[in-house]
Amino acid sequence: MLNTIEEIGRNRIMSIKLDEVSRVWPLLDNILTPPHNEEQYEQLVVFLDEVTDIVGEDESHPLSSLMETLGTLIEAYEIQNILEIEGAANHVLQLLMEEHNLKQSDLPEVGSQGVVSEILSGKRELNIRQMKALSERFGVSPAVFM
């Protein structure tokens, strides 16, 4: 009998919580849904940054579970949609060039075709300016070229 009373109590609490959520969900619906495109992903990342600034390291903060939920939504999108590139800078550049059907002469932001050739062969390393330009061109972190 005690189990039945406990179950009734839990069901009642869940109903009350659902009523509360129903009232605020229209305000949160666009925030707490998985991103389906780059724009939604970017908005979610900005929102997570704002929540993280508020919560900080305080795991008992009322918004800490929101921070965790946002992180989970962002991570799921990244796993499905963002290419993770690892390796030597010249191999990463070669991969990106192949993916975008580019020739060495198609990268004036790096330098001449000769400079690009030396980078791809490992005879020369990318400098900071080149890394930044390539990261902007390909939409990746400059860290992938380090």
C-alpha atoms as a PDB file:
ATOM      1  CA  MET A   1       0.000   0.000   0.000  1.00  0.00           C
ATOM      2  CA  LEU A   2       2.870   2.363   0.781  1.00  0.00           C
ATOM      3  CA  ASN A   3       4.252   1.864  -2.733  1.00  0.00           C
ATOM      4  CA  THR A   4       0.884   2.851  -4.216  1.00  0.00           C
ATOM      5  CA  ILE A   5       0.767   6.036  -2.115  1.00  0.00           C
ATOM      6  CA  GLU A   6       4.325   6.880  -3.134  1.00  0.00           C
ATOM      7  CA  GLU A   7       3.479   6.275  -6.803  1.00  0.00           C
ATOM      8  CA  ILE A   8       0.397   8.507  -6.558  1.00  0.00           C
ATOM      9  CA  GLY A   9       2.535  11.202  -4.954  1.00  0.00           C
ATOM     10  CA  ARG A  10       5.166  10.955  -7.680  1.00  0.00           C
ATOM     11  CA  ASN A  11       2.525  11.031 -10.414  1.00  0.00           C
ATOM     12  CA  ARG A  12       0.957  14.121  -8.824  1.00  0.00           C
ATOM     13  CA  ILE A  13       4.339  15.859  -8.654  1.00  0.00           C
ATOM     14  CA  MET A  14       5.046  14.996 -12.313  1.00  0.00           C
ATOM     15  CA  SER A  15       1.633  16.408 -13.318  1.00  0.00           C
ATOM     16  CA  ILE A  16       2.366  19.644 -11.490  1.00  0.00           C
ATOM     17  CA  LYS A  17       5.801  19.873 -13.137  1.00  0.00           C
ATOM     18  CA  LEU A  18       4.285  19.219 -16.557  1.00  0.00           C
ATOM     19  CA  ASP A  19       1.764  21.999 -15.974  1.00  0.00           C
ATOM     20  CA  GLU A  20       4.619  24.367 -15.101  1.00  0.00           C
ATOM     21  CA  VAL A  21       6.664  23.275 -18.108  1.00  0.00           C
ATOM     22  CA  SER A  22       3.643  23.687 -20.404  1.00  0.00           C
ATOM     23  CA  ARG A  23       3.368  27.323 -19.381  1.00  0.00           C
ATOM     24  CA  VAL A  24       7.005  28.191 -20.103  1.00  0.00           C
ATOM     25  CA  TRP A  25       7.753  25.790 -22.964  1.00  0.00           C
ATOM     26  CA  PRO A  26       6.708  28.213 -25.732  1.00  0.00           C
ATOM     27  CA  LEU A  27       9.449  30.535 -24.485  1.00  0.00           C
ATOM     28  CA  LEU A  28      12.048  27.749 -24.412  1.00  0.00           C
ATOM     29  CA  ASP A  29      11.046  25.717 -27.449  1.00  0.00           C
ATOM     30  CA  ASN A  30      13.473  27.451 -29.814  1.00  0.00           C
ATOM     31  CA  ILE A  31      16.280  27.194 -27.261  1.00  0.00           C
ATOM     32  CA  LEU A  32      16.014  23.627 -26.025  1.00  0.00           C
ATOM     33  CA  THR A  33      15.645  21.804 -29.308  1.00  0.00           C
ATOM     34  CA  PRO A  34      18.406  20.060 -31.213  1.00  0.00           C
ATOM     35  CA  PRO A  35      19.966  22.324 -33.848  1.00  0.00           C
ATOM     36  CA  HIS A  36      19.231  21.267 -37.414  1.00  0.00           C
ATOM     37  CA  ASN A  37      21.495  23.717 -39.226  1.00  0.00           C
ATOM     38  CA  GLU A  38      24.608  25.822 -38.714  1.00  0.00           C
ATOM     39  CA  GLU A  39      22.651  28.940 -37.699  1.00  0.00           C
ATOM     40  CA  GLN A  40      20.715  27.116 -34.964  1.00  0.00           C
ATOM     41  CA  TYR A  41      23.954  25.474 -33.819  1.00  0.00           C
ATOM     42  CA  GLU A  42      25.705  28.844 -33.538  1.00  0.00           C
ATOM     43  CA  GLN A  43      22.767  30.323 -31.592  1.00  0.00           C
ATOM     44  CA  LEU A  44      22.865  27.396 -29.176  1.00  0.00           C
ATOM     45  CA  VAL A  45      26.624  27.810 -28.683  1.00  0.00           C
ATOM     46  CA  VAL A  46      26.162  31.525 -27.905  1.00  0.00           C
ATOM     47  CA  PHE A  47      23.383  30.696 -25.446  1.00  0.00           C
ATOM     48  CA  LEU A  48      25.553  28.045 -23.772  1.00  0.00           C
ATOM     49  CA  ASP A  49      28.355  30.607 -23.429  1.00  0.00           C
ATOM     50  CA  GLU A  50      25.951  33.011 -21.715  1.00  0.00           C
ATOM     51  CA  VAL A  51      24.667  30.314 -19.337  1.00  0.00           C
ATOM     52  CA  THR A  52      28.247  29.200 -18.609  1.00  0.00           C
ATOM     53  CA  ASP A  53      29.188  32.783 -17.715  1.00  0.00           C
ATOM     54  CA  ILE A  54      26.339  32.832 -15.194  1.00  0.00           C
ATOM     55  CA  VAL A  55      26.857  29.340 -13.738  1.00  0.00           C
ATOM     56  CA  GLY A  56      30.642  29.273 -13.715  1.00  0.00           C
ATOM     57  CA  GLU A  57      31.972  26.353 -11.669  1.00  0.00           C
ATOM     58  CA  ASP A  58      28.950  26.235  -9.311  1.00  0.00           C
ATOM     59  CA  GLU A  59      27.499  22.745  -9.823  1.00  0.00           C
ATOM     60  CA  SER A  60      24.656  23.564  -7.429  1.00  0.00           C
ATOM     61  CA  HIS A  61      23.556  26.596  -9.458  1.00  0.00           C
ATOM     62  CA  PRO A  62      19.904  26.299 -10.606  1.00  0.00           C
ATOM     63  CA  LEU A  63      20.996  26.631 -14.249  1.00  0.00           C
ATOM     64  CA  SER A  64      23.747  23.992 -14.123  1.00  0.00           C
ATOM     65  CA  SER A  65      21.456  21.285 -15.511  1.00  0.00           C
ATOM     66  CA  LEU A  66      20.446  23.647 -18.331  1.00  0.00           C
ATOM     67  CA  MET A  67      24.123  24.114 -19.104  1.00  0.00           C
ATOM     68  CA  GLU A  68      24.566  20.344 -19.247  1.00  0.00           C
ATOM     69  CA  THR A  69      21.520  19.914 -21.500  1.00  0.00           C
ATOM     70  CA  LEU A  70      22.734  22.589 -23.913  1.00  0.00           C
ATOM     71  CA  GLY A  71      26.155  20.958 -24.001  1.00  0.00           C
ATOM     72  CA  THR A  72      24.556  17.619 -24.864  1.00  0.00           C
ATOM     73  CA  LEU A  73      22.523  19.143 -27.709  1.00  0.00           C
ATOM     74  CA  ILE A  74      25.609  20.878 -29.093  1.00  0.00           C
ATOM     75  CA  GLU A  75      27.746  17.755 -28.815  1.00  0.00           C
ATOM     76  CA  ALA A  76      25.137  15.665 -30.660  1.00  0.00           C
ATOM     77  CA  TYR A  77      25.106  18.185 -33.522  1.00  0.00           C
ATOM     78  CA  GLU A  78      28.906  18.289 -33.683  1.00  0.00           C
ATOM     79  CA  ILE A  79      29.187  14.506 -33.801  1.00  0.00           C
ATOM     80  CA  GLN A  80      26.763  14.369 -36.722  1.00  0.00           C
ATOM     81  CA  ASN A  81      27.811  17.471 -38.661  1.00  0.00           C
ATOM     82  CA  ILE A  82      31.294  18.713 -37.915  1.00  0.00           C
ATOM     83  CA  LEU A  83      34.290  17.050 -39.434  1.00  0.00           C
ATOM     84  CA  GLU A  84      36.976  16.477 -36.855  1.00  0.00           C
ATOM     85  CA  ILE A  85      40.350  16.788 -38.479  1.00  0.00           C
ATOM     86  CA  GLU A  86      43.522  15.528 -36.895  1.00  0.00           C
ATOM     87  CA  GLY A  87      47.016  15.050 -38.216  1.00  0.00           C
ATOM     88  CA  ALA A  88      49.975  16.996 -39.460  1.00  0.00           C
ATOM     89  CA  ALA A  89      49.124  20.413 -40.879  1.00  0.00           C
ATOM     90  CA  ASN A  90      50.192  19.459 -44.392  1.00  0.00           C
ATOM     91  CA  HIS A  91      47.950  16.365 -44.328  1.00  0.00           C
ATOM     92  CA  VAL A  92      45.027  18.386 -42.991  1.00  0.00           C
ATOM     93  CA  LEU A  93      45.499  20.963 -45.732  1.00  0.00           C
ATOM     94  CA  GLN A  94      45.695  18.221 -48.367  1.00  0.00           C
ATOM     95  CA  LEU A  95      42.471  16.663 -47.054  1.00  0.00           C
ATOM     96  CA  LEU A  96      40.655  20.005 -47.111  1.00  0.00           C
ATOM     97  CA  MET A  97      41.905  20.765 -50.610  1.00  0.00           C
ATOM     98  CA  GLU A  98      40.649  17.387 -51.853  1.00  0.00           C
ATOM     99  CA  GLU A  99      37.320  17.849 -50.097  1.00  0.00           C
ATOM    100  CA  HIS A 100      36.850  21.243 -51.776  1.00  0.00           C
ATOM    101  CA  ASN A 101      38.346  20.224 -55.140  1.00  0.00           C
ATOM    102  CA  LEU A 102      41.120  22.800 -54.912  1.00  0.00           C
ATOM    103  CA  LYS A 103      44.510  22.946 -56.610  1.00  0.00           C
ATOM    104  CA  GLN A 104      47.631  24.454 -55.121  1.00  0.00           C
ATOM    105  CA  SER A 105      47.109  27.578 -57.202  1.00  0.00           C
ATOM    106  CA  ASP A 106      43.641  28.011 -55.642  1.00  0.00           C
ATOM    107  CA  LEU A 107      45.134  29.085 -52.296  1.00  0.00           C
ATOM    108  CA  PRO A 108      46.510  32.616 -52.814  1.00  0.00           C
ATOM    109  CA  GLU A 109      45.981  33.330 -49.115  1.00  0.00           C
ATOM    110  CA  VAL A 110      48.780  30.831 -48.390  1.00  0.00           C
ATOM    111  CA  GLY A 111      51.141  32.042 -51.083  1.00  0.00           C
ATOM    112  CA  SER A 112      52.299  31.047 -54.525  1.00  0.00           C
ATOM    113  CA  GLN A 113      51.780  27.576 -55.918  1.00  0.00           C
ATOM    114  CA  GLY A 114      55.416  26.879 -55.013  1.00  0.00           C
ATOM    115  CA  VAL A 115      54.864  27.841 -51.368  1.00  0.00           C
ATOM    116  CA  VAL A 116      51.741  25.654 -51.170  1.00  0.00           C
ATOM    117  CA  SER A 117      53.715  22.781 -52.718  1.00  0.00           C
ATOM    118  CA  GLU A 118      56.461  23.123 -50.097  1.00  0.00           C
ATOM    119  CA  ILE A 119      53.864  23.134 -47.305  1.00  0.00           C
ATOM    120  CA  LEU A 120      52.108  20.067 -48.680  1.00  0.00           C
ATOM    121  CA  SER A 121      55.404  18.193 -49.023  1.00  0.00           C
ATOM    122  CA  GLY A 122      56.398  19.066 -45.449  1.00  0.00           C
ATOM    123  CA  LYS A 123      59.400  21.188 -46.491  1.00  0.00           C
ATOM    124  CA  ARG A 124      57.773  24.318 -45.085  1.00  0.00           C
ATOM    125  CA  GLU A 125      55.391  24.908 -42.185  1.00  0.00           C
ATOM    126  CA  LEU A 126      52.337  27.145 -42.145  1.00  0.00           C
ATOM    127  CA  ASN A 127      52.786  30.469 -40.368  1.00  0.00           C
ATOM    128  CA  ILE A 128      50.157  32.054 -38.111  1.00  0.00           C
ATOM    129  CA  ARG A 129      48.796  34.312 -40.874  1.00  0.00           C
ATOM    130  CA  GLN A 130      48.365  31.359 -43.208  1.00  0.00           C
ATOM    131  CA  MET A 131      46.703  29.248 -40.499  1.00  0.00           C
ATOM    132  CA  LYS A 132      44.235  32.031 -39.767  1.00  0.00           C
ATOM    133  CA  ALA A 133      43.443  32.576 -43.441  1.00  0.00           C
ATOM    134  CA  LEU A 134      42.926  28.840 -44.038  1.00  0.00           C
ATOM    135  CA  SER A 135      40.748  28.468 -40.951  1.00  0.00           C
ATOM    136  CA  GLU A 136      38.498  31.272 -42.208  1.00  0.00           C
ATOM    137  CA  ARG A 137      38.381  29.855 -45.724  1.00  0.00           C
ATOM    138  CA  PHE A 138      37.490  26.315 -44.631  1.00  0.00           C
ATOM    139  CA  GLY A 139      35.464  27.191 -41.536  1.00  0.00           C
ATOM    140  CA  VAL A 140      37.650  25.227 -39.133  1.00  0.00           C
ATOM    141  CA  SER A 141      39.592  26.122 -36.030  1.00  0.00           C
ATOM    142  CA  PRO A 142      43.140  27.356 -36.633  1.00  0.00           C
ATOM    143  CA  ALA A 143      44.175  24.627 -34.197  1.00  0.00           C
ATOM    144  CA  VAL A 144      43.694  21.956 -36.887  1.00  0.00           C
ATOM    145  CA  PHE A 145      46.765  23.361 -38.643  1.00  0.00           C
ATOM    146  CA  MET A 146      49.019  23.239 -35.590  1.00  0.00           C
END
